[in-house]
Amino acid sequence: MRPIRVVIQARITSTRLPAKALLPLGAMASVVLCARRAANTGLDVVVAIPAAQTDDALADELERNAITHIRGDLEDVLGRFLGATQDLPSGAVVVRLTADNMFPDGAFVQRVVDEFLSRELDYLGTHSPLDGLPYGLSAEVFSVDVLRAAAQSASTAHEREHVTPWIRHNCTTALFSHENLGIEAQSHLRCTLDSLPDYLCLQQVFAGIDDPINITWADLIARLRTLPNTPVAAVPWSIVQGKVQRRMVLGTVQLGLAYGAANRTGQPSLEAAAEIVQQAIGHGVTCIDTARVYGDAEQRLGLCLQGLCDRVTLITKLELPEFPVGQVDRQSVRSAVDASVFASCHALRVQQLDVLMLHRWAHRYQYNGAVWERLLELRDSGVIGQLGASLYTPVEALEAARDPDIACIQIPFNLLDWRWRDAGLQQALRVRTDLVVHARSALLQGILAGGVECWPNIAGLRAQDIIDQLDSLVVQLNRQDRADLCLAYVRAHTWITSTVVGVETQRQLLRNIDLFQQPMLTQDECARVEKTLVNLPEDLLNPSRWPLIQTRRAAS
């Protein structure tokens, strides 16, 4: 029989929730609860902690509870695992757990080990959301021989800190999923300890349990599901270049301004905005879109995301002044770029902007390329993670797709917008498989789901006729309403990674998340939509032109 050892990594110096390993859960420190639950069927468990003085309190707590532990390098967690398994014979099995996951118990660990032993694998592990398991019900299993090979060959800081990247990239691996446990997919649930909201949630889960060490992982999930505000579904996802991309992006212009032709509630309060942001993240949203020009949206996000920034990718957009013609020098342009970038960092309370987009594509080339030159420098120095562009026309999108420095684009796309159908963008994206494409304006500032009074007054356009056509399509295609029809159409285009959806209320957010659970339109249904909605004026498709149209008509 092959020996099995569970190694749990833990440390005091967590950046998001410092000393979380010592926070009490089930009348004991969370690291103690984690170790005792993993050992509750008799498995051999060792906790691997740093040798740094900062972790002396953690060592003292483990000693008081007679839990075996070893100490090693703070950053070289792989080295700690090697030290925790140095006495094991060749062929022994190693299980990696982390001290922020209290749900795994001996029975769960054994199920993963049994699956590993039944197959000719070097590695078997969970991976959210692909595994369909609650985030935090996780484990990784590999042989001690593979661990030792990784310790010899892994050279990057990322590989040493996260233990298994070298193994997963160089060995035979497989995914352990909800199907291996015979349960339904429930990746919308979260049971890890990574932030204050996580801790408050886990306190509720473990409250009143007589035996927190031996309650089963399944019973803990059942308790989690009954808590107030527990999500009932998660935003769907897809894989782009090996990375999970959620199909819905939270737009925040409505959180910073009273924005949108169909907006009837105005700008939400800061408290309401925080609830919207936190609910979105709780339902699996991992990308939030904002901009310098969205009123105080950046400032509000910075407040709402305290302790949650690491769970989302933030996209913001560059704001530049209108320089007087012929009176701008290169250094002034570069300084204006810096002012916008660092103002965004300050407002969002981050040291690096995950994605910075050009808000106007013209800035890619203006001022003899000074804007773009400075943005590339800021990206290469680490102030910006990736560069992107918010675009308005197919011509701009094609130009952006040809630029390898552009990692993400946003385009206006909805079922009325005929401009994208034959623009050649889909062909260009076959070359740029790494390019993330976000569609905005799926509801065209809300008018597609609203009444005729929301629509702009455009010459030759009868809004009620379009509304009637949309309502007819809702019936023909068996959709819930116009919002469902519009989102199902955009989501049906597989070359679009995600759809940006803005909301003014929590109710709208939950409604949109529900719509993302509905089936997408088929290709035949999309064709029927396109055949029905034809010959619409281009002025309708670009909301930035609506005020100009209204102004011209009022003047005449």
Protein backbone atom coordinates (compact mmCIF):
# COMPACT_ATOMS: atom_id res chain seq x y z
CA MET A 1 0.00 0.00 0.00
CA ARG A 2 1.38 3.38 -1.00
CA PRO A 3 1.87 5.81 1.89
CA ILE A 4 -0.27 8.96 1.78
CA ARG A 5 0.66 12.30 3.32
CA VAL A 6 -1.43 15.43 3.36
CA VAL A 7 0.63 18.64 3.36
CA ILE A 8 -1.19 21.85 4.25
CA GLN A 9 0.51 25.13 3.47
CA ALA A 10 -0.15 28.06 5.80
CA ARG A 11 1.31 31.44 6.69
CA ILE A 12 0.54 34.52 8.75
CA THR A 13 1.41 37.19 6.18
CA SER A 14 -1.63 36.97 3.91
CA THR A 15 -2.04 40.34 2.21
CA ARG A 16 -5.84 40.23 1.81
CA LEU A 17 -6.67 38.93 5.29
CA PRO A 18 -3.57 38.96 7.52
CA ALA A 19 -3.29 36.21 10.16
CA LYS A 20 -6.36 34.45 8.76
CA ALA A 21 -4.84 31.10 9.74
CA LEU A 22 -5.33 32.09 13.39
CA LEU A 23 -8.89 33.40 13.08
CA PRO A 24 -11.27 31.30 15.18
CA LEU A 25 -13.70 28.93 13.47
CA GLY A 26 -15.49 26.11 15.24
CA ALA A 27 -13.93 27.21 18.56
CA MET A 28 -10.36 26.78 17.27
CA ALA A 29 -7.89 28.54 14.96
CA SER A 30 -8.82 28.03 11.32
CA VAL A 31 -5.49 26.30 10.56
CA VAL A 32 -6.15 23.83 13.39
CA LEU A 33 -9.67 23.16 12.09
CA CYS A 34 -8.28 22.62 8.59
CA ALA A 35 -5.64 20.13 9.79
CA ARG A 36 -7.98 18.21 12.06
CA ARG A 37 -10.66 17.90 9.42
CA ALA A 38 -8.12 16.58 6.90
CA ALA A 39 -6.94 14.04 9.49
CA ASN A 40 -10.37 12.99 10.77
CA THR A 41 -10.18 9.58 9.05
CA GLY A 42 -6.63 8.90 10.20
CA LEU A 43 -4.67 10.38 7.31
CA ASP A 44 -1.09 11.54 7.96
CA VAL A 45 -1.14 15.37 8.01
CA VAL A 46 1.74 17.87 8.15
CA VAL A 47 1.37 21.65 8.10
CA ALA A 48 4.16 23.47 6.21
CA ILE A 49 4.72 27.02 7.46
CA PRO A 50 7.43 29.67 6.99
CA ALA A 51 10.45 29.81 9.27
CA ALA A 52 10.16 33.59 9.42
CA GLN A 53 9.68 35.20 12.81
CA THR A 54 6.34 36.55 11.64
CA ASP A 55 5.03 32.96 11.71
CA ASP A 56 6.20 32.07 15.22
CA ALA A 57 2.66 32.57 16.54
CA LEU A 58 1.41 30.10 13.95
CA ALA A 59 4.03 27.55 15.03
CA ASP A 60 3.05 28.06 18.69
CA GLU A 61 -0.61 27.42 17.88
CA LEU A 62 0.20 24.20 16.03
CA GLU A 63 2.42 23.00 18.87
CA ARG A 64 -0.30 23.70 21.47
CA ASN A 65 -2.64 21.52 19.46
CA ALA A 66 -0.07 18.75 18.85
CA ILE A 67 -0.26 19.17 15.07
CA THR A 68 2.84 18.07 13.18
CA HIS A 69 4.46 20.89 11.27
CA ILE A 70 7.67 21.83 9.52
CA ARG A 71 9.14 25.24 8.76
CA GLY A 72 10.84 26.48 5.62
CA ASP A 73 11.30 29.39 3.24
CA LEU A 74 8.50 31.96 3.13
CA GLU A 75 8.41 32.32 -0.66
CA ASP A 76 9.64 28.86 -1.68
CA VAL A 77 6.52 26.89 -0.80
CA LEU A 78 7.64 24.09 -3.11
CA GLY A 79 10.76 23.79 -0.95
CA ARG A 80 8.54 23.53 2.12
CA PHE A 81 6.63 20.66 0.55
CA LEU A 82 9.91 18.94 -0.22
CA GLY A 83 10.94 19.27 3.41
CA ALA A 84 7.57 17.99 4.62
CA THR A 85 7.91 14.81 2.55
CA GLN A 86 11.65 14.11 2.69
CA ASP A 87 11.16 10.92 4.74
CA LEU A 88 8.63 9.38 2.34
CA PRO A 89 9.66 6.45 0.14
CA SER A 90 9.49 6.51 -3.64
CA GLY A 91 5.93 5.99 -4.86
CA ALA A 92 4.31 7.68 -1.87
CA VAL A 93 1.30 9.92 -2.52
CA VAL A 94 1.26 13.60 -1.58
CA VAL A 95 -1.92 15.66 -1.16
CA ARG A 96 -1.68 19.43 -1.28
CA LEU A 97 -4.20 21.45 0.72
CA THR A 98 -4.18 25.10 1.76
CA ALA A 99 -5.11 26.34 5.21
CA ASP A 100 -7.73 28.73 3.86
CA ASN A 101 -9.97 25.81 2.82
CA MET A 102 -11.79 24.26 5.77
CA PHE A 103 -14.37 22.19 3.87
CA PRO A 104 -12.11 19.30 2.69
CA ASP A 105 -12.20 16.45 5.20
CA GLY A 106 -10.57 13.04 5.30
CA ALA A 107 -13.35 11.47 3.26
CA PHE A 108 -13.08 14.10 0.51
CA VAL A 109 -9.29 13.78 0.41
CA GLN A 110 -9.60 10.00 0.19
CA ARG A 111 -12.00 10.28 -2.76
CA VAL A 112 -9.47 12.38 -4.65
CA VAL A 113 -6.62 9.99 -3.73
CA ASP A 114 -8.64 6.93 -4.78
CA GLU A 115 -9.37 8.51 -8.15
CA PHE A 116 -5.68 9.34 -8.56
CA LEU A 117 -4.62 5.78 -7.71
CA SER A 118 -7.16 4.26 -10.11
CA ARG A 119 -5.57 6.01 -13.09
CA GLU A 120 -2.07 6.25 -14.53
CA LEU A 121 -1.50 9.88 -13.66
CA ASP A 122 1.25 12.09 -12.31
CA TYR A 123 -1.23 14.66 -11.04
CA LEU A 124 -4.94 14.96 -10.26
CA GLY A 125 -6.47 18.16 -8.97
CA THR A 126 -9.46 20.44 -8.71
CA HIS A 127 -9.60 23.70 -10.64
CA SER A 128 -12.44 26.18 -10.20
CA PRO A 129 -14.75 26.74 -12.02
CA LEU A 130 -13.89 23.92 -14.43
CA ASP A 131 -14.41 21.29 -11.75
CA GLY A 132 -17.95 22.41 -10.88
CA LEU A 133 -17.10 22.29 -7.18
CA PRO A 134 -17.59 25.11 -4.68
CA TYR A 135 -14.55 27.37 -4.67
CA GLY A 136 -12.61 26.16 -1.65
CA LEU A 137 -13.52 22.47 -1.83
CA SER A 138 -10.21 21.65 -3.41
CA ALA A 139 -7.18 19.35 -3.34
CA GLU A 140 -4.24 18.33 -5.51
CA VAL A 141 -2.67 14.85 -5.54
CA PHE A 142 0.68 13.76 -7.00
CA SER A 143 3.48 11.31 -6.29
CA VAL A 144 6.42 12.26 -4.12
CA ASP A 145 8.67 11.40 -7.08
CA VAL A 146 6.98 14.05 -9.23
CA LEU A 147 7.23 16.53 -6.37
CA ARG A 148 10.97 15.89 -6.13
CA ALA A 149 11.39 16.32 -9.87
CA ALA A 150 9.55 19.62 -9.66
CA ALA A 151 11.73 20.79 -6.77
CA GLN A 152 14.81 20.15 -8.92
CA SER A 153 13.49 21.68 -12.15
CA ALA A 154 11.10 24.49 -11.18
CA SER A 155 13.03 27.75 -11.36
CA THR A 156 10.61 30.68 -11.53
CA ALA A 157 9.20 32.43 -8.47
CA HIS A 158 5.69 31.55 -9.64
CA GLU A 159 6.52 27.85 -9.85
CA ARG A 160 8.18 27.83 -6.43
CA GLU A 161 5.39 29.76 -4.70
CA HIS A 162 2.45 27.83 -6.15
CA VAL A 163 4.02 24.35 -5.88
CA THR A 164 2.32 22.58 -8.80
CA PRO A 165 2.67 24.71 -11.99
CA TRP A 166 5.76 22.80 -13.15
CA ILE A 167 4.01 19.48 -12.51
CA ARG A 168 0.88 20.54 -14.38
CA HIS A 169 2.89 21.76 -17.37
CA ASN A 170 5.26 18.81 -17.64
CA CYS A 171 3.42 15.73 -16.39
CA THR A 172 0.33 13.63 -17.05
CA THR A 173 -2.59 15.38 -15.39
CA ALA A 174 -6.36 15.20 -15.05
CA LEU A 175 -9.19 17.18 -13.46
CA PHE A 176 -11.11 16.00 -10.41
CA SER A 177 -14.66 17.32 -10.78
CA HIS A 178 -18.11 17.27 -9.24
CA GLU A 179 -18.89 14.24 -11.41
CA ASN A 180 -16.27 12.22 -9.50
CA LEU A 181 -18.27 12.93 -6.34
CA GLY A 182 -21.63 12.23 -7.96
CA ILE A 183 -23.00 15.71 -7.18
CA GLU A 184 -24.42 18.50 -9.32
CA ALA A 185 -22.21 21.35 -10.48
CA GLN A 186 -22.13 24.15 -7.92
CA SER A 187 -19.14 26.33 -8.74
CA HIS A 188 -21.28 29.38 -7.88
CA LEU A 189 -20.66 28.61 -4.19
CA ARG A 190 -17.64 29.96 -2.31
CA CYS A 191 -16.28 28.39 0.87
CA THR A 192 -12.70 29.60 1.10
CA LEU A 193 -11.16 32.01 3.63
CA ASP A 194 -9.58 34.83 1.69
CA SER A 195 -11.32 38.03 2.80
CA LEU A 196 -13.40 39.47 5.60
CA PRO A 197 -16.70 38.64 3.80
CA ASP A 198 -15.44 35.05 3.44
CA TYR A 199 -14.73 34.88 7.16
CA LEU A 200 -18.14 36.24 8.10
CA CYS A 201 -19.73 33.66 5.80
CA LEU A 202 -17.73 30.76 7.29
CA GLN A 203 -18.60 31.91 10.80
CA GLN A 204 -22.26 31.45 9.89
CA VAL A 205 -21.60 28.04 8.35
CA PHE A 206 -19.81 26.68 11.42
CA ALA A 207 -22.04 28.41 13.99
CA GLY A 208 -23.83 25.96 16.27
CA ILE A 209 -22.08 22.82 14.97
CA ASP A 210 -21.36 20.44 17.86
CA ASP A 211 -18.55 18.64 16.04
CA PRO A 212 -16.92 20.94 13.44
CA ILE A 213 -14.07 18.48 12.91
CA ASN A 214 -16.20 15.55 11.80
CA ILE A 215 -19.13 17.18 10.03
CA THR A 216 -18.91 16.04 6.40
CA TRP A 217 -17.96 18.24 3.49
CA ALA A 218 -21.40 17.55 1.97
CA ASP A 219 -23.21 18.71 5.12
CA LEU A 220 -21.13 21.90 5.18
CA ILE A 221 -22.12 22.64 1.58
CA ALA A 222 -25.75 22.07 2.49
CA ARG A 223 -25.43 24.60 5.32
CA LEU A 224 -23.70 27.07 3.02
CA ARG A 225 -26.53 26.87 0.50
CA THR A 226 -29.10 27.89 3.11
CA LEU A 227 -27.36 31.14 4.12
CA PRO A 228 -29.01 34.43 3.13
CA ASN A 229 -27.63 36.01 -0.05
CA THR A 230 -25.94 32.78 -1.16
CA PRO A 231 -25.87 32.88 -4.98
CA VAL A 232 -28.12 30.39 -6.72
CA ALA A 233 -26.19 30.55 -10.00
CA ALA A 234 -22.94 31.83 -11.43
CA VAL A 235 -22.23 33.84 -14.56
CA PRO A 236 -21.32 31.36 -17.32
CA TRP A 237 -17.72 31.18 -18.52
CA SER A 238 -15.63 30.12 -21.49
CA ILE A 239 -11.95 29.35 -22.00
CA VAL A 240 -9.87 31.84 -24.01
CA GLN A 241 -6.23 30.91 -24.52
CA GLY A 242 -6.33 28.60 -21.52
CA LYS A 243 -7.85 31.22 -19.21
CA VAL A 244 -11.34 31.32 -17.76
CA GLN A 245 -13.32 34.29 -19.05
CA ARG A 246 -16.72 35.02 -17.53
CA ARG A 247 -19.37 35.82 -20.12
CA MET A 248 -20.64 38.89 -18.28
CA VAL A 249 -18.64 42.01 -17.38
CA LEU A 250 -20.09 44.48 -14.90
CA GLY A 251 -20.26 47.96 -16.40
CA THR A 252 -20.10 50.83 -13.92
CA VAL A 253 -21.00 54.00 -15.78
CA GLN A 254 -24.39 53.91 -14.02
CA LEU A 255 -22.62 53.72 -10.65
CA GLY A 256 -20.79 56.97 -11.34
CA LEU A 257 -23.43 58.93 -13.27
CA ALA A 258 -27.17 59.10 -13.83
CA TYR A 259 -26.54 57.43 -17.20
CA GLY A 260 -28.66 55.80 -19.87
CA ALA A 261 -31.65 56.80 -21.96
CA ALA A 262 -33.82 54.31 -20.05
CA ASN A 263 -32.46 55.17 -16.60
CA ARG A 264 -35.37 56.04 -14.30
CA THR A 265 -33.72 55.58 -10.89
CA GLY A 266 -30.68 57.84 -11.26
CA GLN A 267 -27.28 57.19 -9.73
CA PRO A 268 -27.39 54.68 -6.87
CA SER A 269 -26.09 55.58 -3.43
CA LEU A 270 -22.61 54.46 -2.43
CA GLU A 271 -24.14 51.77 -0.21
CA ALA A 272 -26.31 50.50 -3.08
CA ALA A 273 -23.32 50.56 -5.43
CA ALA A 274 -21.30 48.49 -2.95
CA GLU A 275 -24.10 45.93 -2.77
CA ILE A 276 -24.23 45.72 -6.57
CA VAL A 277 -20.47 45.21 -6.87
CA GLN A 278 -20.31 42.64 -4.09
CA GLN A 279 -23.33 40.73 -5.40
CA ALA A 280 -21.81 40.67 -8.89
CA ILE A 281 -18.55 39.23 -7.58
CA GLY A 282 -20.48 36.76 -5.45
CA HIS A 283 -22.20 35.51 -8.59
CA GLY A 284 -18.92 34.93 -10.37
CA VAL A 285 -18.26 38.23 -12.17
CA THR A 286 -14.48 38.50 -12.48
CA CYS A 287 -14.18 41.60 -14.67
CA ILE A 288 -15.43 45.13 -13.98
CA ASP A 289 -15.37 47.94 -16.53
CA THR A 290 -15.03 51.61 -15.65
CA ALA A 291 -13.45 54.84 -16.94
CA ARG A 292 -12.07 58.18 -15.81
CA VAL A 293 -15.01 59.95 -17.46
CA TYR A 294 -17.69 57.89 -15.67
CA GLY A 295 -18.24 60.50 -12.98
CA ASP A 296 -17.08 59.13 -9.64
CA ALA A 297 -17.28 55.46 -10.71
CA GLU A 298 -13.55 54.84 -10.19
CA GLN A 299 -13.61 56.42 -6.74
CA ARG A 300 -16.62 54.39 -5.74
CA LEU A 301 -15.11 51.16 -7.05
CA GLY A 302 -11.98 51.80 -5.03
CA LEU A 303 -14.15 51.94 -1.90
CA CYS A 304 -16.40 49.03 -2.86
CA LEU A 305 -13.54 46.67 -3.74
CA GLN A 306 -11.51 46.93 -0.56
CA GLY A 307 -10.41 43.37 0.16
CA LEU A 308 -11.90 42.14 -3.13
CA CYS A 309 -9.58 43.61 -5.78
CA ASP A 310 -7.70 40.35 -6.24
CA ARG A 311 -10.91 38.60 -7.25
CA VAL A 312 -11.55 40.80 -10.29
CA THR A 313 -9.84 42.24 -13.33
CA LEU A 314 -10.39 45.99 -13.48
CA ILE A 315 -10.64 47.74 -16.83
CA THR A 316 -10.47 51.50 -16.97
CA LYS A 317 -9.97 54.00 -19.77
CA LEU A 318 -7.64 56.87 -20.50
CA GLU A 319 -8.82 60.47 -20.17
CA LEU A 320 -6.90 63.16 -22.04
CA PRO A 321 -7.62 66.88 -22.32
CA GLU A 322 -8.34 68.53 -25.63
CA PHE A 323 -5.01 70.15 -26.43
CA PRO A 324 -5.12 73.42 -28.41
CA VAL A 325 -4.27 72.83 -32.06
CA GLY A 326 -0.60 73.49 -32.68
CA GLN A 327 0.10 74.30 -29.03
CA VAL A 328 1.06 70.92 -27.60
CA ASP A 329 4.51 69.47 -27.07
CA ARG A 330 5.44 65.84 -26.58
CA GLN A 331 6.21 66.17 -22.88
CA SER A 332 2.82 67.75 -22.18
CA VAL A 333 1.11 64.79 -23.81
CA ARG A 334 3.19 62.29 -21.84
CA SER A 335 2.44 64.16 -18.62
CA ALA A 336 -1.28 64.11 -19.38
CA VAL A 337 -1.11 60.34 -19.89
CA ASP A 338 0.65 59.95 -16.54
CA ALA A 339 -1.91 62.16 -14.83
CA SER A 340 -4.79 60.01 -16.07
CA VAL A 341 -3.08 56.68 -15.31
CA PHE A 342 -1.98 57.57 -11.79
CA ALA A 343 -5.29 59.27 -11.00
CA SER A 344 -6.98 55.96 -11.89
CA CYS A 345 -4.54 54.04 -9.68
CA HIS A 346 -5.28 56.42 -6.79
CA ALA A 347 -9.05 56.32 -7.23
CA LEU A 348 -9.17 52.53 -7.60
CA ARG A 349 -6.65 52.08 -4.76
CA VAL A 350 -4.36 49.82 -6.78
CA GLN A 351 -0.68 49.94 -7.67
CA GLN A 352 -1.24 48.47 -11.12
CA LEU A 353 -4.09 48.91 -13.58
CA ASP A 354 -5.07 45.46 -14.81
CA VAL A 355 -6.23 46.76 -18.21
CA LEU A 356 -6.06 50.32 -19.48
CA MET A 357 -7.99 51.11 -22.64
CA LEU A 358 -7.80 54.00 -25.02
CA HIS A 359 -11.17 55.71 -24.79
CA ARG A 360 -10.64 57.22 -28.24
CA TRP A 361 -8.88 55.19 -30.92
CA ALA A 362 -7.52 58.41 -32.46
CA HIS A 363 -5.15 58.68 -29.48
CA ARG A 364 -3.34 55.60 -30.77
CA TYR A 365 -1.75 57.79 -33.48
CA GLN A 366 -2.21 61.40 -32.38
CA TYR A 367 0.61 63.67 -31.24
CA ASN A 368 3.16 61.72 -33.29
CA GLY A 369 2.44 58.60 -31.28
CA ALA A 370 3.35 60.19 -27.92
CA VAL A 371 0.28 58.80 -26.13
CA TRP A 372 0.87 55.23 -27.22
CA GLU A 373 4.61 55.45 -26.65
CA ARG A 374 4.05 56.47 -23.02
CA LEU A 375 1.42 53.80 -22.44
CA LEU A 376 3.81 51.12 -23.70
CA GLU A 377 6.46 52.39 -21.30
CA LEU A 378 4.02 52.28 -18.39
CA ARG A 379 2.97 48.76 -19.33
CA ASP A 380 6.56 47.56 -19.61
CA SER A 381 7.39 49.09 -16.21
CA GLY A 382 4.46 47.27 -14.56
CA VAL A 383 2.15 50.23 -13.89
CA ILE A 384 -0.27 48.81 -16.47
CA GLY A 385 -0.92 45.10 -16.90
CA GLN A 386 -2.40 45.07 -20.41
CA LEU A 387 -3.44 47.64 -22.99
CA GLY A 388 -6.73 47.74 -24.84
CA ALA A 389 -9.06 50.00 -26.76
CA SER A 390 -12.69 51.04 -26.57
CA LEU A 391 -13.83 51.28 -30.18
CA TYR A 392 -16.80 52.58 -32.12
CA THR A 393 -16.49 51.34 -35.70
CA PRO A 394 -15.47 48.16 -37.52
CA VAL A 395 -12.57 50.04 -39.15
CA GLU A 396 -11.14 50.88 -35.72
CA ALA A 397 -11.65 47.31 -34.53
CA LEU A 398 -9.78 45.89 -37.52
CA GLU A 399 -6.86 48.25 -36.90
CA ALA A 400 -6.77 47.33 -33.22
CA ALA A 401 -6.90 43.60 -33.97
CA ARG A 402 -3.76 43.93 -36.09
CA ASP A 403 -1.82 45.53 -33.21
CA PRO A 404 -0.15 42.83 -31.06
CA ASP A 405 0.12 45.26 -28.14
CA ILE A 406 -3.68 45.41 -27.92
CA ALA A 407 -4.84 42.61 -25.60
CA CYS A 408 -8.51 43.55 -25.18
CA ILE A 409 -11.08 45.54 -27.17
CA GLN A 410 -14.60 46.75 -26.56
CA ILE A 411 -17.08 47.24 -29.38
CA PRO A 412 -20.72 48.37 -29.49
CA PHE A 413 -22.71 45.34 -30.60
CA ASN A 414 -26.41 44.53 -30.53
CA LEU A 415 -29.09 42.95 -32.68
CA LEU A 416 -29.76 46.22 -34.54
CA ASP A 417 -26.14 46.86 -35.44
CA TRP A 418 -25.67 45.60 -38.98
CA ARG A 419 -22.20 47.22 -39.32
CA TRP A 420 -20.31 44.24 -37.87
CA ARG A 421 -21.78 41.46 -39.98
CA ASP A 422 -19.55 41.82 -43.02
CA ALA A 423 -16.72 43.89 -41.59
CA GLY A 424 -14.08 41.13 -41.67
CA LEU A 425 -13.52 41.31 -37.92
CA GLN A 426 -14.34 37.66 -37.36
CA GLN A 427 -11.70 36.69 -39.93
CA ALA A 428 -9.15 38.93 -38.21
CA LEU A 429 -9.93 37.32 -34.85
CA ARG A 430 -9.05 33.89 -36.23
CA VAL A 431 -5.49 35.18 -36.34
CA ARG A 432 -5.70 36.99 -32.98
CA THR A 433 -7.00 34.10 -30.89
CA ASP A 434 -5.48 35.77 -27.83
CA LEU A 435 -7.56 38.94 -28.19
CA VAL A 436 -10.34 39.38 -25.63
CA VAL A 437 -13.45 40.97 -27.18
CA HIS A 438 -16.06 42.64 -24.99
CA ALA A 439 -19.39 43.75 -26.45
CA ARG A 440 -21.08 46.78 -24.94
CA SER A 441 -24.43 48.41 -25.80
CA ALA A 442 -26.25 45.06 -25.96
CA LEU A 443 -29.38 46.95 -24.90
CA LEU A 444 -28.33 50.24 -26.53
CA GLN A 445 -28.43 52.30 -23.32
CA GLY A 446 -31.51 50.36 -22.30
CA ILE A 447 -33.79 51.58 -25.08
CA LEU A 448 -34.14 48.11 -26.62
CA ALA A 449 -35.85 46.92 -23.44
CA GLY A 450 -37.68 50.18 -22.72
CA GLY A 451 -40.67 52.09 -24.04
CA VAL A 452 -40.90 54.41 -27.01
CA GLU A 453 -40.32 57.43 -24.77
CA CYS A 454 -36.69 56.29 -24.24
CA TRP A 455 -35.78 56.35 -27.92
CA PRO A 456 -33.91 59.22 -29.60
CA ASN A 457 -35.86 61.32 -32.07
CA ILE A 458 -34.16 60.48 -35.38
CA ALA A 459 -35.50 61.53 -38.76
CA GLY A 460 -37.11 58.63 -40.64
CA LEU A 461 -37.12 56.36 -37.59
CA ARG A 462 -40.35 55.05 -36.10
CA ALA A 463 -39.33 53.63 -32.74
CA GLN A 464 -42.66 51.92 -32.17
CA ASP A 465 -42.23 49.90 -35.39
CA ILE A 466 -38.90 48.54 -34.13
CA ILE A 467 -40.37 47.79 -30.71
CA ASP A 468 -43.21 45.90 -32.39
CA GLN A 469 -40.73 43.88 -34.46
CA LEU A 470 -38.72 43.04 -31.34
CA ASP A 471 -41.85 42.00 -29.45
CA SER A 472 -42.84 39.76 -32.35
CA LEU A 473 -39.41 38.12 -32.30
CA VAL A 474 -39.74 37.54 -28.55
CA VAL A 475 -42.88 35.50 -29.20
CA GLN A 476 -41.53 33.69 -32.27
CA LEU A 477 -38.28 32.68 -30.57
CA ASN A 478 -39.89 31.88 -27.21
CA ARG A 479 -37.87 34.39 -25.22
CA GLN A 480 -38.89 35.93 -21.89
CA ASP A 481 -38.82 39.54 -23.06
CA ARG A 482 -36.81 41.97 -25.20
CA ALA A 483 -33.88 42.07 -22.77
CA ASP A 484 -33.62 38.28 -22.95
CA LEU A 485 -33.79 38.40 -26.75
CA CYS A 486 -31.07 41.07 -27.00
CA LEU A 487 -28.64 39.37 -24.62
CA ALA A 488 -29.26 35.93 -26.14
CA TYR A 489 -28.40 37.36 -29.57
CA VAL A 490 -25.11 38.91 -28.47
CA ARG A 491 -24.12 35.85 -26.43
CA ALA A 492 -24.69 33.63 -29.47
CA HIS A 493 -21.67 35.15 -31.24
CA THR A 494 -18.79 32.96 -30.12
CA TRP A 495 -16.15 35.44 -31.28
CA ILE A 496 -17.35 37.75 -28.49
CA THR A 497 -15.72 36.83 -25.20
CA SER A 498 -18.00 38.72 -22.80
CA THR A 499 -20.87 41.20 -22.71
CA VAL A 500 -20.59 44.40 -20.68
CA VAL A 501 -23.82 44.97 -18.76
CA GLY A 502 -24.43 48.06 -16.65
CA VAL A 503 -27.10 48.30 -13.96
CA GLU A 504 -28.56 50.93 -11.65
CA THR A 505 -30.07 48.56 -9.09
CA GLN A 506 -29.35 45.24 -7.45
CA ARG A 507 -32.62 43.95 -8.86
CA GLN A 508 -31.45 44.68 -12.40
CA LEU A 509 -28.16 42.90 -11.68
CA LEU A 510 -29.86 39.73 -10.47
CA ARG A 511 -32.25 39.85 -13.41
CA ASN A 512 -29.35 40.08 -15.87
CA ILE A 513 -27.49 37.23 -14.16
CA ASP A 514 -30.64 35.14 -14.54
CA LEU A 515 -30.83 36.03 -18.24
CA PHE A 516 -27.26 34.80 -18.70
CA GLN A 517 -28.46 31.38 -17.52
CA GLN A 518 -30.92 31.18 -20.42
CA PRO A 519 -30.09 29.47 -23.73
CA MET A 520 -28.38 31.53 -26.40
CA LEU A 521 -30.02 31.97 -29.76
CA THR A 522 -29.15 29.41 -32.40
CA GLN A 523 -27.50 30.50 -35.63
CA ASP A 524 -30.82 30.08 -37.46
CA GLU A 525 -32.55 32.26 -34.87
CA CYS A 526 -29.85 34.92 -35.22
CA ALA A 527 -30.39 34.89 -38.96
CA ARG A 528 -34.13 35.42 -38.43
CA VAL A 529 -33.42 38.41 -36.20
CA GLU A 530 -31.08 39.93 -38.78
CA LYS A 531 -33.57 39.39 -41.59
CA THR A 532 -36.30 41.14 -39.59
CA LEU A 533 -34.32 44.17 -38.38
CA VAL A 534 -32.92 45.86 -41.48
CA ASN A 535 -32.15 49.32 -42.89
CA LEU A 536 -31.75 51.09 -39.57
CA PRO A 537 -30.01 54.50 -39.65
CA GLU A 538 -26.42 54.58 -38.40
CA ASP A 539 -27.27 57.57 -36.18
CA LEU A 540 -29.33 55.19 -34.04
CA LEU A 541 -26.45 52.79 -33.50
CA ASN A 542 -24.07 55.34 -31.96
CA PRO A 543 -25.47 56.83 -28.72
CA SER A 544 -22.70 59.44 -28.66
CA ARG A 545 -24.49 61.07 -31.61
CA TRP A 546 -27.91 61.24 -29.98
CA PRO A 547 -27.36 64.58 -28.16
CA LEU A 548 -26.06 66.12 -31.40
CA ILE A 549 -29.14 64.93 -33.25
CA GLN A 550 -31.46 66.29 -30.58
CA THR A 551 -29.59 69.61 -30.53
CA ARG A 552 -29.76 69.97 -34.31
CA ARG A 553 -33.47 69.17 -34.40
CA ALA A 554 -34.22 71.59 -31.55
CA ALA A 555 -32.30 74.36 -33.35
CA SER A 556 -34.19 73.78 -36.58
